[in-house]
Amino acid sequence: IAVSNWYRNLYIKIKRKANPGFLFYTPPYHVVMA
């Protein structure tokens, strides 16, 4: 739970609303989210 993560998740929600199939076009560097 962090302010930076809150903004990230808000950004994702906005992108998902505009495009339900939204993906990141980057290598999957981080294999865990802990």
PDB file of all heavy atoms in Angstrom:
ATOM      1  N   ILE A   1       0.869  -1.179   0.000  1.00  0.00           N
ATOM      2  CA  ILE A   1       0.000   0.000   0.000  1.00  0.00           C
ATOM      3  C   ILE A   1       0.905   1.228   0.000  1.00  0.00           C
ATOM      4  O   ILE A   1       1.644   1.476   0.957  1.00  0.00           O
ATOM      5  CB  ILE A   1      -0.917   0.009   1.236  1.00  0.00           C
ATOM      6  CG1 ILE A   1      -1.858  -1.191   1.198  1.00  0.00           C
ATOM      7  CG2 ILE A   1      -1.723   1.307   1.296  1.00  0.00           C
ATOM      8  CD1 ILE A   1      -2.701  -1.351   2.459  1.00  0.00           C
ATOM      9  N   ALA A   2       0.904   1.953  -1.097  1.00  0.00           N
ATOM     10  CA  ALA A   2       1.777   3.116  -1.241  1.00  0.00           C
ATOM     11  C   ALA A   2       1.142   4.096  -2.225  1.00  0.00           C
ATOM     12  O   ALA A   2       0.390   3.702  -3.119  1.00  0.00           O
ATOM     13  CB  ALA A   2       3.156   2.690  -1.740  1.00  0.00           C
ATOM     14  N   VAL A   3       1.459   5.371  -2.058  1.00  0.00           N
ATOM     15  CA  VAL A   3       0.898   6.408  -2.935  1.00  0.00           C
ATOM     16  C   VAL A   3       1.284   6.137  -4.384  1.00  0.00           C
ATOM     17  O   VAL A   3       0.463   6.262  -5.296  1.00  0.00           O
ATOM     18  CB  VAL A   3       1.372   7.804  -2.495  1.00  0.00           C
ATOM     19  CG1 VAL A   3       0.932   8.865  -3.505  1.00  0.00           C
ATOM     20  CG2 VAL A   3       0.820   8.147  -1.115  1.00  0.00           C
ATOM     21  N   SER A   4       2.537   5.751  -4.622  1.00  0.00           N
ATOM     22  CA  SER A   4       2.990   5.501  -5.997  1.00  0.00           C
ATOM     23  C   SER A   4       2.203   4.354  -6.625  1.00  0.00           C
ATOM     24  O   SER A   4       1.834   4.418  -7.807  1.00  0.00           O
ATOM     25  CB  SER A   4       4.487   5.192  -6.003  1.00  0.00           C
ATOM     26  OG  SER A   4       4.768   4.073  -5.191  1.00  0.00           O
ATOM     27  N   ASN A   5       1.940   3.311  -5.840  1.00  0.00           N
ATOM     28  CA  ASN A   5       1.160   2.184  -6.362  1.00  0.00           C
ATOM     29  C   ASN A   5      -0.293   2.574  -6.610  1.00  0.00           C
ATOM     30  O   ASN A   5      -0.930   2.076  -7.549  1.00  0.00           O
ATOM     31  CB  ASN A   5       1.232   0.998  -5.397  1.00  0.00           C
ATOM     32  CG  ASN A   5       2.610   0.355  -5.377  1.00  0.00           C
ATOM     33  OD1 ASN A   5       3.424   0.594  -6.269  1.00  0.00           O
ATOM     34  ND2 ASN A   5       2.881  -0.447  -4.362  1.00  0.00           N
ATOM     35  N   TRP A   6      -0.820   3.471  -5.776  1.00  0.00           N
ATOM     36  CA  TRP A   6      -2.191   3.941  -5.969  1.00  0.00           C
ATOM     37  C   TRP A   6      -2.300   4.672  -7.308  1.00  0.00           C
ATOM     38  O   TRP A   6      -3.250   4.452  -8.067  1.00  0.00           O
ATOM     39  CB  TRP A   6      -2.590   4.857  -4.824  1.00  0.00           C
ATOM     40  CG  TRP A   6      -4.028   5.309  -4.885  1.00  0.00           C
ATOM     41  CD1 TRP A   6      -5.129   4.668  -4.395  1.00  0.00           C
ATOM     42  CD2 TRP A   6      -4.514   6.517  -5.505  1.00  0.00           C
ATOM     43  NE1 TRP A   6      -6.264   5.389  -4.653  1.00  0.00           N
ATOM     44  CE2 TRP A   6      -5.928   6.527  -5.337  1.00  0.00           C
ATOM     45  CE3 TRP A   6      -3.908   7.580  -6.169  1.00  0.00           C
ATOM     46  CZ2 TRP A   6      -6.723   7.566  -5.817  1.00  0.00           C
ATOM     47  CZ3 TRP A   6      -4.695   8.611  -6.644  1.00  0.00           C
ATOM     48  CH2 TRP A   6      -6.089   8.588  -6.476  1.00  0.00           C
ATOM     49  N   TYR A   7      -1.340   5.548  -7.599  1.00  0.00           N
ATOM     50  CA  TYR A   7      -1.352   6.272  -8.872  1.00  0.00           C
ATOM     51  C   TYR A   7      -1.175   5.316 -10.053  1.00  0.00           C
ATOM     52  O   TYR A   7      -1.812   5.479 -11.095  1.00  0.00           O
ATOM     53  CB  TYR A   7      -0.254   7.342  -8.888  1.00  0.00           C
ATOM     54  CG  TYR A   7      -0.671   8.629  -8.232  1.00  0.00           C
ATOM     55  CD1 TYR A   7      -0.128   9.023  -7.013  1.00  0.00           C
ATOM     56  CD2 TYR A   7      -1.615   9.472  -8.825  1.00  0.00           C
ATOM     57  CE1 TYR A   7      -0.504  10.211  -6.403  1.00  0.00           C
ATOM     58  CE2 TYR A   7      -2.004  10.663  -8.224  1.00  0.00           C
ATOM     59  CZ  TYR A   7      -1.450  11.023  -7.015  1.00  0.00           C
ATOM     60  OH  TYR A   7      -1.834  12.192  -6.409  1.00  0.00           O
ATOM     61  N   ARG A   8      -0.317   4.323  -9.892  1.00  0.00           N
ATOM     62  CA  ARG A   8      -0.124   3.332 -10.954  1.00  0.00           C
ATOM     63  C   ARG A   8      -1.425   2.593 -11.245  1.00  0.00           C
ATOM     64  O   ARG A   8      -1.821   2.439 -12.402  1.00  0.00           O
ATOM     65  CB  ARG A   8       0.958   2.332 -10.536  1.00  0.00           C
ATOM     66  CG  ARG A   8       1.197   1.205 -11.544  1.00  0.00           C
ATOM     67  CD  ARG A   8       1.860   0.009 -10.884  1.00  0.00           C
ATOM     68  NE  ARG A   8       1.002  -0.598  -9.884  1.00  0.00           N
ATOM     69  CZ  ARG A   8       1.419  -1.503  -8.995  1.00  0.00           C
ATOM     70  NH1 ARG A   8       2.668  -1.891  -8.979  1.00  0.00           N
ATOM     71  NH2 ARG A   8       0.569  -2.014  -8.114  1.00  0.00           N
ATOM     72  N   ASN A   9      -2.107   2.160 -10.179  1.00  0.00           N
ATOM     73  CA  ASN A   9      -3.351   1.413 -10.358  1.00  0.00           C
ATOM     74  C   ASN A   9      -4.459   2.287 -10.939  1.00  0.00           C
ATOM     75  O   ASN A   9      -5.288   1.810 -11.729  1.00  0.00           O
ATOM     76  CB  ASN A   9      -3.794   0.807  -9.027  1.00  0.00           C
ATOM     77  CG  ASN A   9      -2.840  -0.268  -8.544  1.00  0.00           C
ATOM     78  OD1 ASN A   9      -2.118  -0.863  -9.343  1.00  0.00           O
ATOM     79  ND2 ASN A   9      -2.824  -0.515  -7.249  1.00  0.00           N
ATOM     80  N   LEU A  10      -4.458   3.569 -10.566  1.00  0.00           N
ATOM     81  CA  LEU A  10      -5.436   4.492 -11.135  1.00  0.00           C
ATOM     82  C   LEU A  10      -5.192   4.662 -12.627  1.00  0.00           C
ATOM     83  O   LEU A  10      -6.137   4.657 -13.437  1.00  0.00           O
ATOM     84  CB  LEU A  10      -5.363   5.845 -10.424  1.00  0.00           C
ATOM     85  CG  LEU A  10      -6.300   6.943 -10.965  1.00  0.00           C
ATOM     86  CD1 LEU A  10      -7.765   6.526 -10.810  1.00  0.00           C
ATOM     87  CD2 LEU A  10      -6.034   8.271 -10.256  1.00  0.00           C
ATOM     88  N   TYR A  11      -3.931   4.806 -13.002  1.00  0.00           N
ATOM     89  CA  TYR A  11      -3.559   4.930 -14.417  1.00  0.00           C
ATOM     90  C   TYR A  11      -4.037   3.701 -15.198  1.00  0.00           C
ATOM     91  O   TYR A  11      -4.598   3.826 -16.291  1.00  0.00           O
ATOM     92  CB  TYR A  11      -2.046   5.093 -14.541  1.00  0.00           C
ATOM     93  CG  TYR A  11      -1.516   4.943 -15.956  1.00  0.00           C
ATOM     94  CD1 TYR A  11      -1.608   5.993 -16.865  1.00  0.00           C
ATOM     95  CD2 TYR A  11      -0.917   3.749 -16.370  1.00  0.00           C
ATOM     96  CE1 TYR A  11      -1.116   5.848 -18.161  1.00  0.00           C
ATOM     97  CE2 TYR A  11      -0.435   3.605 -17.654  1.00  0.00           C
ATOM     98  CZ  TYR A  11      -0.530   4.655 -18.548  1.00  0.00           C
ATOM     99  OH  TYR A  11      -0.063   4.509 -19.824  1.00  0.00           O
ATOM    100  N   ILE A  12      -3.822   2.521 -14.617  1.00  0.00           N
ATOM    101  CA  ILE A  12      -4.225   1.282 -15.282  1.00  0.00           C
ATOM    102  C   ILE A  12      -5.745   1.215 -15.448  1.00  0.00           C
ATOM    103  O   ILE A  12      -6.258   0.808 -16.496  1.00  0.00           O
ATOM    104  CB  ILE A  12      -3.695   0.065 -14.507  1.00  0.00           C
ATOM    105  CG1 ILE A  12      -2.169  -0.020 -14.661  1.00  0.00           C
ATOM    106  CG2 ILE A  12      -4.349  -1.230 -14.994  1.00  0.00           C
ATOM    107  CD1 ILE A  12      -1.525  -1.052 -13.767  1.00  0.00           C
ATOM    108  N   LYS A  13      -6.481   1.623 -14.418  1.00  0.00           N
ATOM    109  CA  LYS A  13      -7.947   1.610 -14.499  1.00  0.00           C
ATOM    110  C   LYS A  13      -8.448   2.516 -15.616  1.00  0.00           C
ATOM    111  O   LYS A  13      -9.369   2.168 -16.368  1.00  0.00           O
ATOM    112  CB  LYS A  13      -8.549   2.051 -13.164  1.00  0.00           C
ATOM    113  CG  LYS A  13      -8.481   0.988 -12.079  1.00  0.00           C
ATOM    114  CD  LYS A  13      -9.139   1.475 -10.798  1.00  0.00           C
ATOM    115  CE  LYS A  13      -9.077   0.400  -9.710  1.00  0.00           C
ATOM    116  NZ  LYS A  13      -9.689   0.864  -8.447  1.00  0.00           N
ATOM    117  N   ILE A  14      -7.830   3.691 -15.734  1.00  0.00           N
ATOM    118  CA  ILE A  14      -8.217   4.632 -16.789  1.00  0.00           C
ATOM    119  C   ILE A  14      -7.913   4.038 -18.166  1.00  0.00           C
ATOM    120  O   ILE A  14      -8.740   4.096 -19.084  1.00  0.00           O
ATOM    121  CB  ILE A  14      -7.498   5.989 -16.597  1.00  0.00           C
ATOM    122  CG1 ILE A  14      -7.994   6.673 -15.318  1.00  0.00           C
ATOM    123  CG2 ILE A  14      -7.731   6.886 -17.812  1.00  0.00           C
ATOM    124  CD1 ILE A  14      -7.200   7.902 -14.937  1.00  0.00           C
ATOM    125  N   LYS A  15      -6.733   3.450 -18.313  1.00  0.00           N
ATOM    126  CA  LYS A  15      -6.350   2.842 -19.583  1.00  0.00           C
ATOM    127  C   LYS A  15      -7.261   1.660 -19.919  1.00  0.00           C
ATOM    128  O   LYS A  15      -7.666   1.479 -21.067  1.00  0.00           O
ATOM    129  CB  LYS A  15      -4.895   2.379 -19.535  1.00  0.00           C
ATOM    130  CG  LYS A  15      -3.879   3.489 -19.370  1.00  0.00           C
ATOM    131  CD  LYS A  15      -3.783   4.374 -20.592  1.00  0.00           C
ATOM    132  CE  LYS A  15      -3.096   3.720 -21.743  1.00  0.00           C
ATOM    133  NZ  LYS A  15      -2.865   4.613 -22.895  1.00  0.00           N
ATOM    134  N   ARG A  16      -7.611   0.864 -18.902  1.00  0.00           N
ATOM    135  CA  ARG A  16      -8.469  -0.290 -19.116  1.00  0.00           C
ATOM    136  C   ARG A  16      -9.883   0.127 -19.515  1.00  0.00           C
ATOM    137  O   ARG A  16     -10.558  -0.552 -20.288  1.00  0.00           O
ATOM    138  CB  ARG A  16      -8.522  -1.121 -17.830  1.00  0.00           C
ATOM    139  CG  ARG A  16      -7.355  -2.110 -17.682  1.00  0.00           C
ATOM    140  CD  ARG A  16      -7.736  -3.411 -18.371  1.00  0.00           C
ATOM    141  NE  ARG A  16      -6.682  -4.395 -18.367  1.00  0.00           N
ATOM    142  CZ  ARG A  16      -6.443  -5.253 -17.391  1.00  0.00           C
ATOM    143  NH1 ARG A  16      -7.156  -5.215 -16.288  1.00  0.00           N
ATOM    144  NH2 ARG A  16      -5.490  -6.149 -17.522  1.00  0.00           N
ATOM    145  N   LYS A  17     -10.339   1.231 -18.962  1.00  0.00           N
ATOM    146  CA  LYS A  17     -11.684   1.710 -19.304  1.00  0.00           C
ATOM    147  C   LYS A  17     -11.735   2.137 -20.756  1.00  0.00           C
ATOM    148  O   LYS A  17     -12.722   1.876 -21.475  1.00  0.00           O
ATOM    149  CB  LYS A  17     -12.087   2.867 -18.393  1.00  0.00           C
ATOM    150  CG  LYS A  17     -13.552   3.251 -18.528  1.00  0.00           C
ATOM    151  CD  LYS A  17     -13.961   4.232 -17.452  1.00  0.00           C
ATOM    152  CE  LYS A  17     -15.465   4.547 -17.551  1.00  0.00           C
ATOM    153  NZ  LYS A  17     -15.918   5.460 -16.486  1.00  0.00           N
ATOM    154  N   ALA A  18     -10.678   2.780 -21.217  1.00  0.00           N
ATOM    155  CA  ALA A  18     -10.616   3.223 -22.607  1.00  0.00           C
ATOM    156  C   ALA A  18     -10.324   2.061 -23.555  1.00  0.00           C
ATOM    157  O   ALA A  18     -10.792   2.045 -24.695  1.00  0.00           O
ATOM    158  CB  ALA A  18      -9.546   4.306 -22.768  1.00  0.00           C
ATOM    159  N   ASN A  19      -9.570   1.071 -23.039  1.00  0.00           N
ATOM    160  CA  ASN A  19      -9.180  -0.070 -23.863  1.00  0.00           C
ATOM    161  C   ASN A  19      -9.134  -1.318 -22.984  1.00  0.00           C
ATOM    162  O   ASN A  19      -8.124  -1.595 -22.330  1.00  0.00           O
ATOM    163  CB  ASN A  19      -7.808   0.184 -24.497  1.00  0.00           C
ATOM    164  CG  ASN A  19      -7.313  -1.002 -25.310  1.00  0.00           C
ATOM    165  OD1 ASN A  19      -8.076  -1.930 -25.619  1.00  0.00           O
ATOM    166  ND2 ASN A  19      -6.027  -0.994 -25.653  1.00  0.00           N
ATOM    167  N   PRO A  20     -10.222  -2.110 -22.945  1.00  0.00           N
ATOM    168  CA  PRO A  20     -10.282  -3.282 -22.062  1.00  0.00           C
ATOM    169  C   PRO A  20      -9.155  -4.291 -22.295  1.00  0.00           C
ATOM    170  O   PRO A  20      -8.798  -5.037 -21.390  1.00  0.00           O
ATOM    171  CB  PRO A  20     -11.647  -3.902 -22.396  1.00  0.00           C
ATOM    172  CG  PRO A  20     -12.458  -2.759 -22.909  1.00  0.00           C
ATOM    173  CD  PRO A  20     -11.500  -1.887 -23.656  1.00  0.00           C
ATOM    174  N   GLY A  21      -8.588  -4.302 -23.483  1.00  0.00           N
ATOM    175  CA  GLY A  21      -7.503  -5.238 -23.773  1.00  0.00           C
ATOM    176  C   GLY A  21      -6.123  -4.640 -23.590  1.00  0.00           C
ATOM    177  O   GLY A  21      -5.145  -5.155 -24.146  1.00  0.00           O
ATOM    178  N   PHE A  22      -6.017  -3.573 -22.800  1.00  0.00           N
ATOM    179  CA  PHE A  22      -4.752  -2.857 -22.608  1.00  0.00           C
ATOM    180  C   PHE A  22      -3.648  -3.783 -22.101  1.00  0.00           C
ATOM    181  O   PHE A  22      -3.817  -4.550 -21.164  1.00  0.00           O
ATOM    182  CB  PHE A  22      -4.967  -1.705 -21.626  1.00  0.00           C
ATOM    183  CG  PHE A  22      -3.695  -1.034 -21.186  1.00  0.00           C
ATOM    184  CD1 PHE A  22      -2.951  -0.281 -22.079  1.00  0.00           C
ATOM    185  CD2 PHE A  22      -3.255  -1.154 -19.868  1.00  0.00           C
ATOM    186  CE1 PHE A  22      -1.779   0.343 -21.668  1.00  0.00           C
ATOM    187  CE2 PHE A  22      -2.095  -0.536 -19.455  1.00  0.00           C
ATOM    188  CZ  PHE A  22      -1.357   0.220 -20.352  1.00  0.00           C
ATOM    189  N   LEU A  23      -2.472  -3.706 -22.756  1.00  0.00           N
ATOM    190  CA  LEU A  23      -1.282  -4.467 -22.366  1.00  0.00           C
ATOM    191  C   LEU A  23      -0.082  -3.537 -22.322  1.00  0.00           C
ATOM    192  O   LEU A  23      -0.068  -2.469 -22.944  1.00  0.00           O
ATOM    193  CB  LEU A  23      -0.994  -5.588 -23.372  1.00  0.00           C
ATOM    194  CG  LEU A  23      -2.017  -6.710 -23.513  1.00  0.00           C
ATOM    195  CD1 LEU A  23      -1.665  -7.570 -24.721  1.00  0.00           C
ATOM    196  CD2 LEU A  23      -2.069  -7.560 -22.257  1.00  0.00           C
ATOM    197  N   PHE A  24       0.933  -3.949 -21.580  1.00  0.00           N
ATOM    198  CA  PHE A  24       2.215  -3.253 -21.618  1.00  0.00           C
ATOM    199  C   PHE A  24       3.068  -3.884 -22.720  1.00  0.00           C
ATOM    200  O   PHE A  24       3.214  -5.107 -22.784  1.00  0.00           O
ATOM    201  CB  PHE A  24       2.950  -3.372 -20.282  1.00  0.00           C
ATOM    202  CG  PHE A  24       2.305  -2.613 -19.162  1.00  0.00           C
ATOM    203  CD1 PHE A  24       1.721  -3.278 -18.091  1.00  0.00           C
ATOM    204  CD2 PHE A  24       2.277  -1.230 -19.168  1.00  0.00           C
ATOM    205  CE1 PHE A  24       1.125  -2.583 -17.057  1.00  0.00           C
ATOM    206  CE2 PHE A  24       1.686  -0.516 -18.138  1.00  0.00           C
ATOM    207  CZ  PHE A  24       1.110  -1.204 -17.076  1.00  0.00           C
ATOM    208  N   TYR A  25       3.633  -3.045 -23.579  1.00  0.00           N
ATOM    209  CA  TYR A  25       4.471  -3.547 -24.673  1.00  0.00           C
ATOM    210  C   TYR A  25       5.943  -3.413 -24.287  1.00  0.00           C
ATOM    211  O   TYR A  25       6.736  -2.745 -24.942  1.00  0.00           O
ATOM    212  CB  TYR A  25       4.149  -2.801 -25.966  1.00  0.00           C
ATOM    213  CG  TYR A  25       2.781  -3.154 -26.502  1.00  0.00           C
ATOM    214  CD1 TYR A  25       1.648  -2.470 -26.061  1.00  0.00           C
ATOM    215  CD2 TYR A  25       2.598  -4.193 -27.412  1.00  0.00           C
ATOM    216  CE1 TYR A  25       0.384  -2.804 -26.527  1.00  0.00           C
ATOM    217  CE2 TYR A  25       1.344  -4.543 -27.877  1.00  0.00           C
ATOM    218  CZ  TYR A  25       0.240  -3.835 -27.433  1.00  0.00           C
ATOM    219  OH  TYR A  25      -1.006  -4.183 -27.890  1.00  0.00           O
ATOM    220  N   THR A  26       6.282  -4.045 -23.200  1.00  0.00           N
ATOM    221  CA  THR A  26       7.646  -4.011 -22.662  1.00  0.00           C
ATOM    222  C   THR A  26       8.035  -5.412 -22.210  1.00  0.00           C
ATOM    223  O   THR A  26       7.168  -6.246 -21.934  1.00  0.00           O
ATOM    224  CB  THR A  26       7.749  -3.048 -21.460  1.00  0.00           C
ATOM    225  OG1 THR A  26       6.783  -3.440 -20.474  1.00  0.00           O
ATOM    226  CG2 THR A  26       7.510  -1.608 -21.884  1.00  0.00           C
ATOM    227  N   PRO A  27       9.326  -5.693 -22.102  1.00  0.00           N
ATOM    228  CA  PRO A  27       9.735  -7.004 -21.593  1.00  0.00           C
ATOM    229  C   PRO A  27       9.224  -7.214 -20.166  1.00  0.00           C
ATOM    230  O   PRO A  27       9.151  -6.259 -19.383  1.00  0.00           O
ATOM    231  CB  PRO A  27      11.271  -6.937 -21.626  1.00  0.00           C
ATOM    232  CG  PRO A  27      11.579  -5.904 -22.663  1.00  0.00           C
ATOM    233  CD  PRO A  27      10.490  -4.883 -22.546  1.00  0.00           C
ATOM    234  N   PRO A  28       8.899  -8.427 -19.786  1.00  0.00           N
ATOM    235  CA  PRO A  28       8.391  -8.713 -18.438  1.00  0.00           C
ATOM    236  C   PRO A  28       9.540  -8.862 -17.436  1.00  0.00           C
ATOM    237  O   PRO A  28       9.809  -9.955 -16.917  1.00  0.00           O
ATOM    238  CB  PRO A  28       7.635 -10.029 -18.634  1.00  0.00           C
ATOM    239  CG  PRO A  28       8.390 -10.720 -19.735  1.00  0.00           C
ATOM    240  CD  PRO A  28       8.867  -9.627 -20.656  1.00  0.00           C
ATOM    241  N   TYR A  29      10.205  -7.731 -17.157  1.00  0.00           N
ATOM    242  CA  TYR A  29      11.401  -7.780 -16.312  1.00  0.00           C
ATOM    243  C   TYR A  29      11.110  -8.301 -14.902  1.00  0.00           C
ATOM    244  O   TYR A  29      11.845  -9.129 -14.380  1.00  0.00           O
ATOM    245  CB  TYR A  29      12.028  -6.390 -16.208  1.00  0.00           C
ATOM    246  CG  TYR A  29      12.616  -5.865 -17.493  1.00  0.00           C
ATOM    247  CD1 TYR A  29      12.172  -4.668 -18.045  1.00  0.00           C
ATOM    248  CD2 TYR A  29      13.627  -6.552 -18.164  1.00  0.00           C
ATOM    249  CE1 TYR A  29      12.714  -4.166 -19.221  1.00  0.00           C
ATOM    250  CE2 TYR A  29      14.185  -6.065 -19.336  1.00  0.00           C
ATOM    251  CZ  TYR A  29      13.724  -4.866 -19.862  1.00  0.00           C
ATOM    252  OH  TYR A  29      14.262  -4.385 -21.020  1.00  0.00           O
ATOM    253  N   HIS A  30      10.060  -7.776 -14.287  1.00  0.00           N
ATOM    254  CA  HIS A  30       9.772  -8.156 -12.904  1.00  0.00           C
ATOM    255  C   HIS A  30       8.850  -9.372 -12.887  1.00  0.00           C
ATOM    256  O   HIS A  30       7.686  -9.284 -13.265  1.00  0.00           O
ATOM    257  CB  HIS A  30       9.124  -6.994 -12.148  1.00  0.00           C
ATOM    258  CG  HIS A  30      10.071  -5.869 -11.874  1.00  0.00           C
ATOM    259  ND1 HIS A  30       9.821  -4.881 -10.951  1.00  0.00           N
ATOM    260  CD2 HIS A  30      11.291  -5.588 -12.394  1.00  0.00           C
ATOM    261  CE1 HIS A  30      10.832  -4.041 -10.917  1.00  0.00           C
ATOM    262  NE2 HIS A  30      11.733  -4.445 -11.802  1.00  0.00           N
ATOM    263  N   VAL A  31       9.369 -10.489 -12.410  1.00  0.00           N
ATOM    264  CA  VAL A  31       8.583 -11.723 -12.435  1.00  0.00           C
ATOM    265  C   VAL A  31       7.728 -11.894 -11.185  1.00  0.00           C
ATOM    266  O   VAL A  31       6.914 -12.812 -11.107  1.00  0.00           O
ATOM    267  CB  VAL A  31       9.489 -12.960 -12.637  1.00  0.00           C
ATOM    268  CG1 VAL A  31      10.246 -12.842 -13.950  1.00  0.00           C
ATOM    269  CG2 VAL A  31      10.445 -13.143 -11.462  1.00  0.00           C
ATOM    270  N   VAL A  32       7.917 -11.030 -10.198  1.00  0.00           N
ATOM    271  CA  VAL A  32       7.058 -11.029  -9.018  1.00  0.00           C
ATOM    272  C   VAL A  32       6.632  -9.601  -8.697  1.00  0.00           C
ATOM    273  O   VAL A  32       7.330  -8.643  -9.021  1.00  0.00           O
ATOM    274  CB  VAL A  32       7.740 -11.640  -7.766  1.00  0.00           C
ATOM    275  CG1 VAL A  32       8.054 -13.094  -7.976  1.00  0.00           C
ATOM    276  CG2 VAL A  32       8.981 -10.853  -7.388  1.00  0.00           C
ATOM    277  N   MET A  33       5.474  -9.491  -8.057  1.00  0.00           N
ATOM    278  CA  MET A  33       5.031  -8.234  -7.462  1.00  0.00           C
ATOM    279  C   MET A  33       4.772  -8.557  -5.995  1.00  0.00           C
ATOM    280  O   MET A  33       3.784  -9.204  -5.650  1.00  0.00           O
ATOM    281  CB  MET A  33       3.757  -7.718  -8.132  1.00  0.00           C
ATOM    282  CG  MET A  33       3.956  -7.301  -9.580  1.00  0.00           C
ATOM    283  SD  MET A  33       2.417  -6.784 -10.377  1.00  0.00           S
ATOM    284  CE  MET A  33       1.970  -5.380  -9.357  1.00  0.00           C
ATOM    285  N   ALA A  34       5.683  -8.138  -5.128  1.00  0.00           N
ATOM    286  CA  ALA A  34       5.629  -8.542  -3.724  1.00  0.00           C
ATOM    287  C   ALA A  34       5.263  -7.381  -2.817  1.00  0.00           C
ATOM    288  O   ALA A  34       5.458  -6.207  -3.150  1.00  0.00           O
ATOM    289  CB  ALA A  34       6.972  -9.125  -3.296  1.00  0.00           C
TER     290      ALA A  34
END
